[in-house]
Amino acid sequence: MITKRFRTIVTIFMTLSVLTFLLAGAPQAGAAPIVIKFAHGQPPVEEESIHVGVTVFKRFVEQRTGGAVQVEVYPASQLGKEREQYEGVQQGTIEMCMIAEGPIAGFFPEIMVLGIPYLYGNERVAHKSLDSDFGKALFEEMRKKTGVRTLGVGENGFRNFTNRVRQVKSPEDMKGLKIRTMENPAHMAMVKALGATPTPIAWGEVYMALQQGVVDGQENPVSVIEIGKFYEVQKYLTLDGHVYSVLPILINDKFYSSLPADIRTVVRDGGELMATISRGQNIRHVFNGVKILQDKGMQLYTPNEKELQLFREATQKPVIEFISTKIDKKWVDWALKSAKEAEQGN
């Protein structure tokens, strides 16, 4: 016969079991939350796609972990410029950042393969290639070599030339111009192949360099040109789309691996969600941004296919030759193969 005392013990045990299940993964009373410092270089404005993505990531992770994780967002290069942000994530002083691929080349040269001029013909082709075995292997190699994990590959977009001197319609028009580039040797090789002078300048200093005439022009996606208000200091824009620029969502691998399994899953899912938002937001900004830049007084030129071929012929071969001397050529071959396969299946 079951005694009243036994029934009481069973009831207490079952209640504790249910509470343990319901509270699994939630922060214990008085326990400090796990803090993720998330840095990026763009201003904290509603229409800026990086900040929008980071804000969604913050809300997603904090809500899904029941407050067990707290995401602290540091926009506008508060924790350093892009190179310093990557270095901070690598060393573990910053948990996460979202930066363009340019400065990453100083830590992981293999990423220069994404700087092959005119590698991708449109966003769909770029997405298919980067989401394929090639893209996964490239960023896995970066994790192994640098200790920085990629949670997702966001979109900075196709880069275009601007300047204050003349409209650029052909490679010949680039000669003699001083062009700001990211700190990416492949981008610098491309500009040099066009007869211009490449000048690497950190993102936070670009507007002032253009304003003061330190450089004649720069190259960036339409969305960045708009957000950076370069229309105030640049007159001409050539929509040549010479390089597809990525925005990988980066996290210190040791920190990520140290997280409880359920929280790791939430952080991973948040990164993938953020990459999707970044790609969609950027495409929207490009189509809206072109009109905005025209309305702001910039003179836009879109090269035809014959003109694009001249740019391609002037830059692709020398850049591939340059990159092949810096990294294992297998990455160059794989990038070209992946792009071709993505194009054929487009």
C-alpha atoms as a PDB file:
ATOM      1  CA  MET A   1       0.000   0.000   0.000  1.00  0.00           C
ATOM      2  CA  ILE A   2       1.361   3.411  -1.002  1.00  0.00           C
ATOM      3  CA  THR A   3       1.706   5.614   2.045  1.00  0.00           C
ATOM      4  CA  LYS A   4       0.885   9.316   2.135  1.00  0.00           C
ATOM      5  CA  ARG A   5       4.557  10.075   2.799  1.00  0.00           C
ATOM      6  CA  PHE A   6       5.633   8.135  -0.289  1.00  0.00           C
ATOM      7  CA  ARG A   7       3.080   9.969  -2.452  1.00  0.00           C
ATOM      8  CA  THR A   8       4.396  13.276  -1.129  1.00  0.00           C
ATOM      9  CA  ILE A   9       7.982  12.333  -1.970  1.00  0.00           C
ATOM     10  CA  VAL A  10       6.966  11.275  -5.501  1.00  0.00           C
ATOM     11  CA  THR A  11       5.022  14.519  -6.010  1.00  0.00           C
ATOM     12  CA  ILE A  12       7.993  16.624  -4.884  1.00  0.00           C
ATOM     13  CA  PHE A  13      10.374  14.667  -7.140  1.00  0.00           C
ATOM     14  CA  MET A  14       8.108  15.050 -10.182  1.00  0.00           C
ATOM     15  CA  THR A  15       7.630  18.774  -9.531  1.00  0.00           C
ATOM     16  CA  LEU A  16      11.383  19.301  -9.309  1.00  0.00           C
ATOM     17  CA  SER A  17      11.897  17.328 -12.515  1.00  0.00           C
ATOM     18  CA  VAL A  18       9.380  19.482 -14.403  1.00  0.00           C
ATOM     19  CA  LEU A  19      10.929  22.699 -13.053  1.00  0.00           C
ATOM     20  CA  THR A  20      14.394  21.499 -14.031  1.00  0.00           C
ATOM     21  CA  PHE A  21      13.176  20.806 -17.575  1.00  0.00           C
ATOM     22  CA  LEU A  22      11.394  24.148 -17.905  1.00  0.00           C
ATOM     23  CA  LEU A  23      14.328  26.134 -16.558  1.00  0.00           C
ATOM     24  CA  ALA A  24      17.009  24.309 -18.538  1.00  0.00           C
ATOM     25  CA  GLY A  25      19.197  26.841 -20.280  1.00  0.00           C
ATOM     26  CA  ALA A  26      17.715  29.781 -18.350  1.00  0.00           C
ATOM     27  CA  PRO A  27      20.003  31.818 -16.109  1.00  0.00           C
ATOM     28  CA  GLN A  28      19.924  30.814 -12.477  1.00  0.00           C
ATOM     29  CA  ALA A  29      18.820  33.436  -9.974  1.00  0.00           C
ATOM     30  CA  GLY A  30      21.740  35.731  -9.334  1.00  0.00           C
ATOM     31  CA  ALA A  31      23.902  34.139 -12.069  1.00  0.00           C
ATOM     32  CA  ALA A  32      25.700  36.609 -14.310  1.00  0.00           C
ATOM     33  CA  PRO A  33      24.686  36.403 -17.992  1.00  0.00           C
ATOM     34  CA  ILE A  34      27.155  35.456 -20.692  1.00  0.00           C
ATOM     35  CA  VAL A  35      28.229  38.693 -22.384  1.00  0.00           C
ATOM     36  CA  ILE A  36      28.936  38.969 -26.114  1.00  0.00           C
ATOM     37  CA  LYS A  37      30.630  42.186 -27.189  1.00  0.00           C
ATOM     38  CA  PHE A  38      29.662  42.679 -30.851  1.00  0.00           C
ATOM     39  CA  ALA A  39      31.595  45.330 -32.806  1.00  0.00           C
ATOM     40  CA  HIS A  40      31.018  46.840 -36.241  1.00  0.00           C
ATOM     41  CA  GLY A  41      32.084  49.956 -38.104  1.00  0.00           C
ATOM     42  CA  GLN A  42      28.839  51.475 -39.338  1.00  0.00           C
ATOM     43  CA  PRO A  43      26.704  54.155 -37.643  1.00  0.00           C
ATOM     44  CA  PRO A  44      23.808  53.027 -35.418  1.00  0.00           C
ATOM     45  CA  VAL A  45      21.084  54.251 -37.765  1.00  0.00           C
ATOM     46  CA  GLU A  46      17.860  52.478 -38.643  1.00  0.00           C
ATOM     47  CA  GLU A  47      18.559  52.209 -42.381  1.00  0.00           C
ATOM     48  CA  GLU A  48      22.124  50.864 -42.075  1.00  0.00           C
ATOM     49  CA  SER A  49      22.023  47.167 -42.961  1.00  0.00           C
ATOM     50  CA  ILE A  50      24.865  45.993 -40.709  1.00  0.00           C
ATOM     51  CA  HIS A  51      23.412  47.685 -37.648  1.00  0.00           C
ATOM     52  CA  VAL A  52      19.951  46.326 -38.472  1.00  0.00           C
ATOM     53  CA  GLY A  53      21.357  42.798 -38.674  1.00  0.00           C
ATOM     54  CA  VAL A  54      23.329  43.115 -35.439  1.00  0.00           C
ATOM     55  CA  THR A  55      20.266  44.491 -33.642  1.00  0.00           C
ATOM     56  CA  VAL A  56      18.155  41.536 -34.816  1.00  0.00           C
ATOM     57  CA  PHE A  57      20.919  39.154 -33.693  1.00  0.00           C
ATOM     58  CA  LYS A  58      20.944  40.787 -30.247  1.00  0.00           C
ATOM     59  CA  ARG A  59      17.189  40.468 -29.793  1.00  0.00           C
ATOM     60  CA  PHE A  60      17.078  36.937 -31.182  1.00  0.00           C
ATOM     61  CA  VAL A  61      19.853  35.597 -28.939  1.00  0.00           C
ATOM     62  CA  GLU A  62      18.715  37.374 -25.778  1.00  0.00           C
ATOM     63  CA  GLN A  63      15.102  36.242 -26.198  1.00  0.00           C
ATOM     64  CA  ARG A  64      15.892  32.672 -27.226  1.00  0.00           C
ATOM     65  CA  THR A  65      18.255  32.188 -24.265  1.00  0.00           C
ATOM     66  CA  GLY A  66      15.850  33.740 -21.784  1.00  0.00           C
ATOM     67  CA  GLY A  67      18.417  36.377 -20.844  1.00  0.00           C
ATOM     68  CA  ALA A  68      21.228  33.891 -20.287  1.00  0.00           C
ATOM     69  CA  VAL A  69      23.180  35.766 -22.966  1.00  0.00           C
ATOM     70  CA  GLN A  70      23.533  39.528 -23.157  1.00  0.00           C
ATOM     71  CA  VAL A  71      24.718  41.061 -26.457  1.00  0.00           C
ATOM     72  CA  GLU A  72      26.441  44.431 -26.153  1.00  0.00           C
ATOM     73  CA  VAL A  73      26.570  46.237 -29.523  1.00  0.00           C
ATOM     74  CA  TYR A  74      29.466  48.609 -30.253  1.00  0.00           C
ATOM     75  CA  PRO A  75      28.818  50.416 -33.580  1.00  0.00           C
ATOM     76  CA  ALA A  76      30.755  53.143 -35.414  1.00  0.00           C
ATOM     77  CA  SER A  77      34.193  51.587 -34.778  1.00  0.00           C
ATOM     78  CA  GLN A  78      33.949  52.193 -31.025  1.00  0.00           C
ATOM     79  CA  LEU A  79      36.207  49.186 -30.391  1.00  0.00           C
ATOM     80  CA  GLY A  80      38.622  50.028 -33.195  1.00  0.00           C
ATOM     81  CA  LYS A  81      38.736  50.005 -36.962  1.00  0.00           C
ATOM     82  CA  GLU A  82      38.010  46.832 -38.915  1.00  0.00           C
ATOM     83  CA  ARG A  83      41.515  45.404 -38.660  1.00  0.00           C
ATOM     84  CA  GLU A  84      41.525  46.025 -34.915  1.00  0.00           C
ATOM     85  CA  GLN A  85      38.088  44.439 -34.585  1.00  0.00           C
ATOM     86  CA  TYR A  86      39.271  41.258 -36.294  1.00  0.00           C
ATOM     87  CA  GLU A  87      42.378  41.191 -34.137  1.00  0.00           C
ATOM     88  CA  GLY A  88      40.214  41.664 -31.041  1.00  0.00           C
ATOM     89  CA  VAL A  89      38.025  38.702 -31.992  1.00  0.00           C
ATOM     90  CA  GLN A  90      41.095  36.601 -32.720  1.00  0.00           C
ATOM     91  CA  GLN A  91      42.603  37.429 -29.312  1.00  0.00           C
ATOM     92  CA  GLY A  92      39.294  37.094 -27.489  1.00  0.00           C
ATOM     93  CA  THR A  93      39.041  40.683 -26.208  1.00  0.00           C
ATOM     94  CA  ILE A  94      35.966  41.059 -28.435  1.00  0.00           C
ATOM     95  CA  GLU A  95      33.633  38.112 -28.891  1.00  0.00           C
ATOM     96  CA  MET A  96      32.130  39.050 -32.265  1.00  0.00           C
ATOM     97  CA  CYS A  97      32.397  41.470 -35.169  1.00  0.00           C
ATOM     98  CA  MET A  98      31.039  41.934 -38.679  1.00  0.00           C
ATOM     99  CA  ILE A  99      33.518  43.437 -41.130  1.00  0.00           C
ATOM    100  CA  ALA A 100      34.280  43.447 -44.839  1.00  0.00           C
ATOM    101  CA  GLU A 101      36.865  41.010 -46.170  1.00  0.00           C
ATOM    102  CA  GLY A 102      39.541  43.609 -46.942  1.00  0.00           C
ATOM    103  CA  PRO A 103      41.366  43.784 -43.591  1.00  0.00           C
ATOM    104  CA  ILE A 104      40.983  40.020 -43.100  1.00  0.00           C
ATOM    105  CA  ALA A 105      43.597  39.454 -45.817  1.00  0.00           C
ATOM    106  CA  GLY A 106      46.281  40.582 -43.381  1.00  0.00           C
ATOM    107  CA  PHE A 107      45.414  37.629 -41.127  1.00  0.00           C
ATOM    108  CA  PHE A 108      44.146  35.139 -43.692  1.00  0.00           C
ATOM    109  CA  PRO A 109      45.559  35.778 -47.208  1.00  0.00           C
ATOM    110  CA  GLU A 110      43.408  33.074 -48.792  1.00  0.00           C
ATOM    111  CA  ILE A 111      40.386  35.364 -48.602  1.00  0.00           C
ATOM    112  CA  MET A 112      41.966  37.394 -51.405  1.00  0.00           C
ATOM    113  CA  VAL A 113      40.430  34.927 -53.876  1.00  0.00           C
ATOM    114  CA  LEU A 114      37.144  36.771 -53.353  1.00  0.00           C
ATOM    115  CA  GLY A 115      38.916  39.843 -54.721  1.00  0.00           C
ATOM    116  CA  ILE A 116      39.342  38.380 -58.209  1.00  0.00           C
ATOM    117  CA  PRO A 117      37.804  41.100 -60.414  1.00  0.00           C
ATOM    118  CA  TYR A 118      34.474  40.257 -62.016  1.00  0.00           C
ATOM    119  CA  LEU A 119      34.442  36.817 -60.385  1.00  0.00           C
ATOM    120  CA  TYR A 120      30.655  36.886 -59.937  1.00  0.00           C
ATOM    121  CA  GLY A 121      28.139  38.246 -62.409  1.00  0.00           C
ATOM    122  CA  ASN A 122      25.310  38.924 -59.957  1.00  0.00           C
ATOM    123  CA  GLU A 123      24.205  38.403 -56.351  1.00  0.00           C
ATOM    124  CA  ARG A 124      22.554  35.040 -56.998  1.00  0.00           C
ATOM    125  CA  VAL A 125      25.750  33.603 -58.462  1.00  0.00           C
ATOM    126  CA  ALA A 126      27.785  34.983 -55.554  1.00  0.00           C
ATOM    127  CA  HIS A 127      25.399  33.491 -52.976  1.00  0.00           C
ATOM    128  CA  LYS A 128      25.458  30.065 -54.636  1.00  0.00           C
ATOM    129  CA  SER A 129      29.254  30.012 -54.747  1.00  0.00           C
ATOM    130  CA  LEU A 130      29.756  31.215 -51.175  1.00  0.00           C
ATOM    131  CA  ASP A 131      27.161  28.769 -49.836  1.00  0.00           C
ATOM    132  CA  SER A 132      28.757  25.876 -51.736  1.00  0.00           C
ATOM    133  CA  ASP A 133      31.556  23.568 -50.623  1.00  0.00           C
ATOM    134  CA  PHE A 134      34.038  26.195 -51.819  1.00  0.00           C
ATOM    135  CA  GLY A 135      32.732  28.924 -49.507  1.00  0.00           C
ATOM    136  CA  LYS A 136      32.357  26.565 -46.556  1.00  0.00           C
ATOM    137  CA  ALA A 137      35.908  25.237 -47.015  1.00  0.00           C
ATOM    138  CA  LEU A 138      37.376  28.734 -47.345  1.00  0.00           C
ATOM    139  CA  PHE A 139      35.935  29.969 -44.054  1.00  0.00           C
ATOM    140  CA  GLU A 140      36.669  26.679 -42.301  1.00  0.00           C
ATOM    141  CA  GLU A 141      40.298  27.132 -43.344  1.00  0.00           C
ATOM    142  CA  MET A 142      40.197  30.584 -41.778  1.00  0.00           C
ATOM    143  CA  ARG A 143      38.887  29.120 -38.515  1.00  0.00           C
ATOM    144  CA  LYS A 144      41.698  26.577 -38.426  1.00  0.00           C
ATOM    145  CA  LYS A 145      44.424  29.133 -39.177  1.00  0.00           C
ATOM    146  CA  THR A 146      43.221  32.124 -37.163  1.00  0.00           C
ATOM    147  CA  GLY A 147      40.844  30.862 -34.488  1.00  0.00           C
ATOM    148  CA  VAL A 148      38.017  33.008 -35.901  1.00  0.00           C
ATOM    149  CA  ARG A 149      34.796  31.205 -36.824  1.00  0.00           C
ATOM    150  CA  THR A 150      32.319  32.415 -39.451  1.00  0.00           C
ATOM    151  CA  LEU A 151      28.665  32.048 -38.434  1.00  0.00           C
ATOM    152  CA  GLY A 152      27.317  33.325 -41.747  1.00  0.00           C
ATOM    153  CA  VAL A 153      28.340  35.303 -44.816  1.00  0.00           C
ATOM    154  CA  GLY A 154      26.526  38.602 -45.118  1.00  0.00           C
ATOM    155  CA  GLU A 155      26.631  40.933 -48.078  1.00  0.00           C
ATOM    156  CA  ASN A 156      28.550  44.163 -48.511  1.00  0.00           C
ATOM    157  CA  GLY A 157      27.711  44.085 -52.216  1.00  0.00           C
ATOM    158  CA  PHE A 158      29.303  44.770 -55.571  1.00  0.00           C
ATOM    159  CA  ARG A 159      31.964  47.454 -55.387  1.00  0.00           C
ATOM    160  CA  ASN A 160      32.013  50.403 -57.798  1.00  0.00           C
ATOM    161  CA  PHE A 161      34.413  53.249 -58.540  1.00  0.00           C
ATOM    162  CA  THR A 162      33.732  56.875 -57.627  1.00  0.00           C
ATOM    163  CA  ASN A 163      35.944  59.923 -58.115  1.00  0.00           C
ATOM    164  CA  ARG A 164      35.847  63.725 -58.262  1.00  0.00           C
ATOM    165  CA  VAL A 165      37.897  64.219 -61.456  1.00  0.00           C
ATOM    166  CA  ARG A 166      36.095  62.637 -64.438  1.00  0.00           C
ATOM    167  CA  GLN A 167      33.555  60.056 -65.500  1.00  0.00           C
ATOM    168  CA  VAL A 168      35.138  56.614 -65.864  1.00  0.00           C
ATOM    169  CA  LYS A 169      33.850  54.656 -68.861  1.00  0.00           C
ATOM    170  CA  SER A 170      36.937  52.609 -69.724  1.00  0.00           C
ATOM    171  CA  PRO A 171      40.192  51.422 -68.124  1.00  0.00           C
ATOM    172  CA  GLU A 172      41.921  54.317 -69.881  1.00  0.00           C
ATOM    173  CA  ASP A 173      39.880  56.776 -67.803  1.00  0.00           C
ATOM    174  CA  MET A 174      41.320  55.321 -64.568  1.00  0.00           C
ATOM    175  CA  LYS A 175      44.902  56.231 -65.393  1.00  0.00           C
ATOM    176  CA  GLY A 176      46.489  58.734 -63.033  1.00  0.00           C
ATOM    177  CA  LEU A 177      43.692  58.652 -60.449  1.00  0.00           C
ATOM    178  CA  LYS A 178      44.553  58.087 -56.808  1.00  0.00           C
ATOM    179  CA  ILE A 179      42.010  55.561 -55.477  1.00  0.00           C
ATOM    180  CA  ARG A 180      41.353  54.544 -51.890  1.00  0.00           C
ATOM    181  CA  THR A 181      41.077  50.786 -51.389  1.00  0.00           C
ATOM    182  CA  MET A 182      40.565  48.485 -48.440  1.00  0.00           C
ATOM    183  CA  GLU A 183      43.651  46.965 -46.860  1.00  0.00           C
ATOM    184  CA  ASN A 184      43.466  44.113 -49.349  1.00  0.00           C
ATOM    185  CA  PRO A 185      46.470  43.455 -51.633  1.00  0.00           C
ATOM    186  CA  ALA A 186      44.205  41.933 -54.300  1.00  0.00           C
ATOM    187  CA  HIS A 187      42.145  45.125 -54.508  1.00  0.00           C
ATOM    188  CA  MET A 188      45.329  47.174 -54.677  1.00  0.00           C
ATOM    189  CA  ALA A 189      46.651  44.980 -57.512  1.00  0.00           C
ATOM    190  CA  MET A 190      43.395  45.505 -59.416  1.00  0.00           C
ATOM    191  CA  VAL A 191      43.560  49.309 -59.145  1.00  0.00           C
ATOM    192  CA  LYS A 192      47.226  49.267 -60.150  1.00  0.00           C
ATOM    193  CA  ALA A 193      46.392  47.145 -63.212  1.00  0.00           C
ATOM    194  CA  LEU A 194      44.024  49.912 -64.330  1.00  0.00           C
ATOM    195  CA  GLY A 195      46.820  52.466 -64.233  1.00  0.00           C
ATOM    196  CA  ALA A 196      45.578  54.189 -61.063  1.00  0.00           C
ATOM    197  CA  THR A 197      47.393  54.529 -57.742  1.00  0.00           C
ATOM    198  CA  PRO A 198      45.928  52.358 -54.951  1.00  0.00           C
ATOM    199  CA  THR A 199      45.943  53.940 -51.490  1.00  0.00           C
ATOM    200  CA  PRO A 200      44.754  51.778 -48.574  1.00  0.00           C
ATOM    201  CA  ILE A 201      42.906  53.849 -45.973  1.00  0.00           C
ATOM    202  CA  ALA A 202      40.943  52.567 -42.979  1.00  0.00           C
ATOM    203  CA  TRP A 203      37.169  52.885 -43.276  1.00  0.00           C
ATOM    204  CA  GLY A 204      36.737  55.507 -40.547  1.00  0.00           C
ATOM    205  CA  GLU A 205      39.119  57.884 -42.338  1.00  0.00           C
ATOM    206  CA  VAL A 206      37.784  57.587 -45.898  1.00  0.00           C
ATOM    207  CA  TYR A 207      35.369  60.534 -45.936  1.00  0.00           C
ATOM    208  CA  MET A 208      37.985  62.957 -44.646  1.00  0.00           C
ATOM    209  CA  ALA A 209      40.567  61.665 -47.132  1.00  0.00           C
ATOM    210  CA  LEU A 210      38.118  62.300 -49.979  1.00  0.00           C
ATOM    211  CA  GLN A 211      37.116  65.687 -48.601  1.00  0.00           C
ATOM    212  CA  GLN A 212      40.707  66.857 -48.219  1.00  0.00           C
ATOM    213  CA  GLY A 213      41.801  65.511 -51.604  1.00  0.00           C
ATOM    214  CA  VAL A 214      44.230  62.972 -50.170  1.00  0.00           C
ATOM    215  CA  VAL A 215      42.740  60.626 -52.786  1.00  0.00           C
ATOM    216  CA  ASP A 216      40.708  61.366 -55.927  1.00  0.00           C
ATOM    217  CA  GLY A 217      38.267  58.534 -55.457  1.00  0.00           C
ATOM    218  CA  GLN A 218      37.399  55.223 -53.841  1.00  0.00           C
ATOM    219  CA  GLU A 219      35.508  52.002 -54.543  1.00  0.00           C
ATOM    220  CA  ASN A 220      32.572  50.671 -52.539  1.00  0.00           C
ATOM    221  CA  PRO A 221      29.077  49.214 -52.884  1.00  0.00           C
ATOM    222  CA  VAL A 222      26.215  51.632 -53.587  1.00  0.00           C
ATOM    223  CA  SER A 223      24.780  51.173 -50.093  1.00  0.00           C
ATOM    224  CA  VAL A 224      28.092  52.136 -48.474  1.00  0.00           C
ATOM    225  CA  ILE A 225      28.526  55.139 -50.787  1.00  0.00           C
ATOM    226  CA  GLU A 226      25.095  56.360 -49.707  1.00  0.00           C
ATOM    227  CA  ILE A 227      25.481  55.682 -45.969  1.00  0.00           C
ATOM    228  CA  GLY A 228      28.970  57.239 -46.017  1.00  0.00           C
ATOM    229  CA  LYS A 229      27.560  60.362 -47.737  1.00  0.00           C
ATOM    230  CA  PHE A 230      30.324  60.194 -50.326  1.00  0.00           C
ATOM    231  CA  TYR A 231      28.016  62.053 -52.718  1.00  0.00           C
ATOM    232  CA  GLU A 232      29.068  65.158 -50.773  1.00  0.00           C
ATOM    233  CA  VAL A 233      32.708  64.744 -51.815  1.00  0.00           C
ATOM    234  CA  GLN A 234      32.491  62.668 -55.032  1.00  0.00           C
ATOM    235  CA  LYS A 235      30.883  63.603 -58.338  1.00  0.00           C
ATOM    236  CA  TYR A 236      31.202  60.541 -60.585  1.00  0.00           C
ATOM    237  CA  LEU A 237      30.062  56.941 -60.038  1.00  0.00           C
ATOM    238  CA  THR A 238      30.746  54.031 -62.409  1.00  0.00           C
ATOM    239  CA  LEU A 239      28.501  51.024 -61.747  1.00  0.00           C
ATOM    240  CA  ASP A 240      30.983  48.390 -62.907  1.00  0.00           C
ATOM    241  CA  GLY A 241      30.586  45.946 -59.971  1.00  0.00           C
ATOM    242  CA  HIS A 242      34.238  44.894 -60.147  1.00  0.00           C
ATOM    243  CA  VAL A 243      34.337  42.915 -56.873  1.00  0.00           C
ATOM    244  CA  TYR A 244      31.622  41.240 -54.808  1.00  0.00           C
ATOM    245  CA  SER A 245      32.386  42.179 -51.216  1.00  0.00           C
ATOM    246  CA  VAL A 246      31.292  40.014 -48.282  1.00  0.00           C
ATOM    247  CA  LEU A 247      30.486  40.750 -44.638  1.00  0.00           C
ATOM    248  CA  PRO A 248      31.268  37.599 -42.660  1.00  0.00           C
ATOM    249  CA  ILE A 249      29.765  37.352 -39.171  1.00  0.00           C
ATOM    250  CA  LEU A 250      32.743  36.447 -37.011  1.00  0.00           C
ATOM    251  CA  ILE A 251      33.115  34.973 -33.529  1.00  0.00           C
ATOM    252  CA  ASN A 252      36.076  33.851 -31.437  1.00  0.00           C
ATOM    253  CA  ASP A 253      36.139  30.072 -31.907  1.00  0.00           C
ATOM    254  CA  LYS A 254      37.300  29.230 -28.362  1.00  0.00           C
ATOM    255  CA  PHE A 255      34.519  31.364 -26.906  1.00  0.00           C
ATOM    256  CA  TYR A 256      31.956  29.768 -29.215  1.00  0.00           C
ATOM    257  CA  SER A 257      33.129  26.247 -28.330  1.00  0.00           C
ATOM    258  CA  SER A 258      32.976  27.052 -24.606  1.00  0.00           C
ATOM    259  CA  LEU A 259      29.273  27.894 -24.738  1.00  0.00           C
ATOM    260  CA  PRO A 260      26.697  25.332 -23.547  1.00  0.00           C
ATOM    261  CA  ALA A 261      25.371  23.312 -26.466  1.00  0.00           C
ATOM    262  CA  ASP A 262      21.893  24.871 -26.402  1.00  0.00           C
ATOM    263  CA  ILE A 263      23.305  28.408 -26.389  1.00  0.00           C
ATOM    264  CA  ARG A 264      25.755  27.531 -29.190  1.00  0.00           C
ATOM    265  CA  THR A 265      22.777  26.491 -31.295  1.00  0.00           C
ATOM    266  CA  VAL A 266      20.992  29.797 -30.653  1.00  0.00           C
ATOM    267  CA  VAL A 267      24.118  31.821 -31.494  1.00  0.00           C
ATOM    268  CA  ARG A 268      24.670  29.805 -34.688  1.00  0.00           C
ATOM    269  CA  ASP A 269      21.032  30.228 -35.745  1.00  0.00           C
ATOM    270  CA  GLY A 270      21.252  33.945 -34.978  1.00  0.00           C
ATOM    271  CA  GLY A 271      24.304  34.246 -37.217  1.00  0.00           C
ATOM    272  CA  GLU A 272      22.574  32.495 -40.110  1.00  0.00           C
ATOM    273  CA  LEU A 273      19.509  34.698 -39.675  1.00  0.00           C
ATOM    274  CA  MET A 274      21.730  37.761 -39.663  1.00  0.00           C
ATOM    275  CA  ALA A 275      23.425  36.718 -42.919  1.00  0.00           C
ATOM    276  CA  THR A 276      20.028  36.362 -44.607  1.00  0.00           C
ATOM    277  CA  ILE A 277      18.968  39.806 -43.374  1.00  0.00           C
ATOM    278  CA  SER A 278      22.254  41.331 -44.533  1.00  0.00           C
ATOM    279  CA  ARG A 279      21.869  39.995 -48.067  1.00  0.00           C
ATOM    280  CA  GLY A 280      18.273  41.113 -48.421  1.00  0.00           C
ATOM    281  CA  GLN A 281      18.862  44.507 -46.852  1.00  0.00           C
ATOM    282  CA  ASN A 282      21.820  45.249 -49.104  1.00  0.00           C
ATOM    283  CA  ILE A 283      19.976  44.399 -52.320  1.00  0.00           C
ATOM    284  CA  ARG A 284      17.142  46.698 -51.243  1.00  0.00           C
ATOM    285  CA  HIS A 285      19.604  49.478 -50.427  1.00  0.00           C
ATOM    286  CA  VAL A 286      21.324  49.150 -53.804  1.00  0.00           C
ATOM    287  CA  PHE A 287      18.159  49.693 -55.832  1.00  0.00           C
ATOM    288  CA  ASN A 288      16.987  52.527 -53.592  1.00  0.00           C
ATOM    289  CA  GLY A 289      20.493  53.946 -53.302  1.00  0.00           C
ATOM    290  CA  VAL A 290      21.092  54.426 -57.018  1.00  0.00           C
ATOM    291  CA  LYS A 291      18.174  56.864 -57.237  1.00  0.00           C
ATOM    292  CA  ILE A 292      19.189  58.598 -54.015  1.00  0.00           C
ATOM    293  CA  LEU A 293      22.736  59.157 -55.302  1.00  0.00           C
ATOM    294  CA  GLN A 294      21.367  60.568 -58.553  1.00  0.00           C
ATOM    295  CA  ASP A 295      19.049  62.867 -56.620  1.00  0.00           C
ATOM    296  CA  LYS A 296      22.039  64.002 -54.551  1.00  0.00           C
ATOM    297  CA  GLY A 297      23.784  65.135 -57.729  1.00  0.00           C
ATOM    298  CA  MET A 298      26.147  62.282 -58.567  1.00  0.00           C
ATOM    299  CA  GLN A 299      26.655  61.519 -62.246  1.00  0.00           C
ATOM    300  CA  LEU A 300      26.199  57.760 -62.784  1.00  0.00           C
ATOM    301  CA  TYR A 301      27.460  55.621 -65.638  1.00  0.00           C
ATOM    302  CA  THR A 302      26.682  51.942 -66.273  1.00  0.00           C
ATOM    303  CA  PRO A 303      29.213  50.243 -68.601  1.00  0.00           C
ATOM    304  CA  ASN A 304      27.822  47.992 -71.319  1.00  0.00           C
ATOM    305  CA  GLU A 305      29.029  44.402 -71.730  1.00  0.00           C
ATOM    306  CA  LYS A 306      31.740  45.383 -74.226  1.00  0.00           C
ATOM    307  CA  GLU A 307      33.101  48.007 -71.836  1.00  0.00           C
ATOM    308  CA  LEU A 308      32.956  45.591 -68.892  1.00  0.00           C
ATOM    309  CA  GLN A 309      34.974  43.113 -70.919  1.00  0.00           C
ATOM    310  CA  LEU A 310      37.731  45.727 -71.281  1.00  0.00           C
ATOM    311  CA  PHE A 311      37.822  46.168 -67.496  1.00  0.00           C
ATOM    312  CA  ARG A 312      37.841  42.395 -67.043  1.00  0.00           C
ATOM    313  CA  GLU A 313      40.694  41.897 -69.508  1.00  0.00           C
ATOM    314  CA  ALA A 314      42.740  44.655 -67.885  1.00  0.00           C
ATOM    315  CA  THR A 315      42.410  43.371 -64.330  1.00  0.00           C
ATOM    316  CA  GLN A 316      41.514  39.701 -63.964  1.00  0.00           C
ATOM    317  CA  LYS A 317      44.697  38.078 -65.266  1.00  0.00           C
ATOM    318  CA  PRO A 318      47.196  40.277 -63.363  1.00  0.00           C
ATOM    319  CA  VAL A 319      45.223  39.942 -60.124  1.00  0.00           C
ATOM    320  CA  ILE A 320      45.007  36.157 -60.453  1.00  0.00           C
ATOM    321  CA  GLU A 321      48.752  36.019 -61.109  1.00  0.00           C
ATOM    322  CA  PHE A 322      49.401  38.200 -58.061  1.00  0.00           C
ATOM    323  CA  ILE A 323      47.149  36.171 -55.740  1.00  0.00           C
ATOM    324  CA  SER A 324      48.675  32.897 -56.974  1.00  0.00           C
ATOM    325  CA  THR A 325      52.083  34.026 -55.682  1.00  0.00           C
ATOM    326  CA  LYS A 326      50.678  34.667 -52.191  1.00  0.00           C
ATOM    327  CA  ILE A 327      48.524  31.617 -51.486  1.00  0.00           C
ATOM    328  CA  ASP A 328      48.062  28.004 -52.569  1.00  0.00           C
ATOM    329  CA  LYS A 329      46.772  28.195 -56.142  1.00  0.00           C
ATOM    330  CA  LYS A 330      44.163  25.555 -55.358  1.00  0.00           C
ATOM    331  CA  TRP A 331      42.037  28.291 -53.789  1.00  0.00           C
ATOM    332  CA  VAL A 332      42.224  30.392 -56.960  1.00  0.00           C
ATOM    333  CA  ASP A 333      41.267  27.416 -59.129  1.00  0.00           C
ATOM    334  CA  TRP A 334      38.460  26.431 -56.773  1.00  0.00           C
ATOM    335  CA  ALA A 335      37.063  29.987 -56.676  1.00  0.00           C
ATOM    336  CA  LEU A 336      37.001  30.200 -60.478  1.00  0.00           C
ATOM    337  CA  LYS A 337      35.455  26.730 -60.787  1.00  0.00           C
ATOM    338  CA  SER A 338      32.802  27.484 -58.167  1.00  0.00           C
ATOM    339  CA  ALA A 339      31.889  30.783 -59.849  1.00  0.00           C
ATOM    340  CA  LYS A 340      31.565  29.074 -63.238  1.00  0.00           C
ATOM    341  CA  GLU A 341      29.373  26.296 -61.820  1.00  0.00           C
ATOM    342  CA  ALA A 342      27.176  28.844 -60.039  1.00  0.00           C
ATOM    343  CA  GLU A 343      26.865  30.852 -63.245  1.00  0.00           C
ATOM    344  CA  GLN A 344      25.864  27.805 -65.284  1.00  0.00           C
ATOM    345  CA  GLY A 345      23.228  26.854 -62.727  1.00  0.00           C
ATOM    346  CA  ASN A 346      21.955  30.433 -62.385  1.00  0.00           C
END
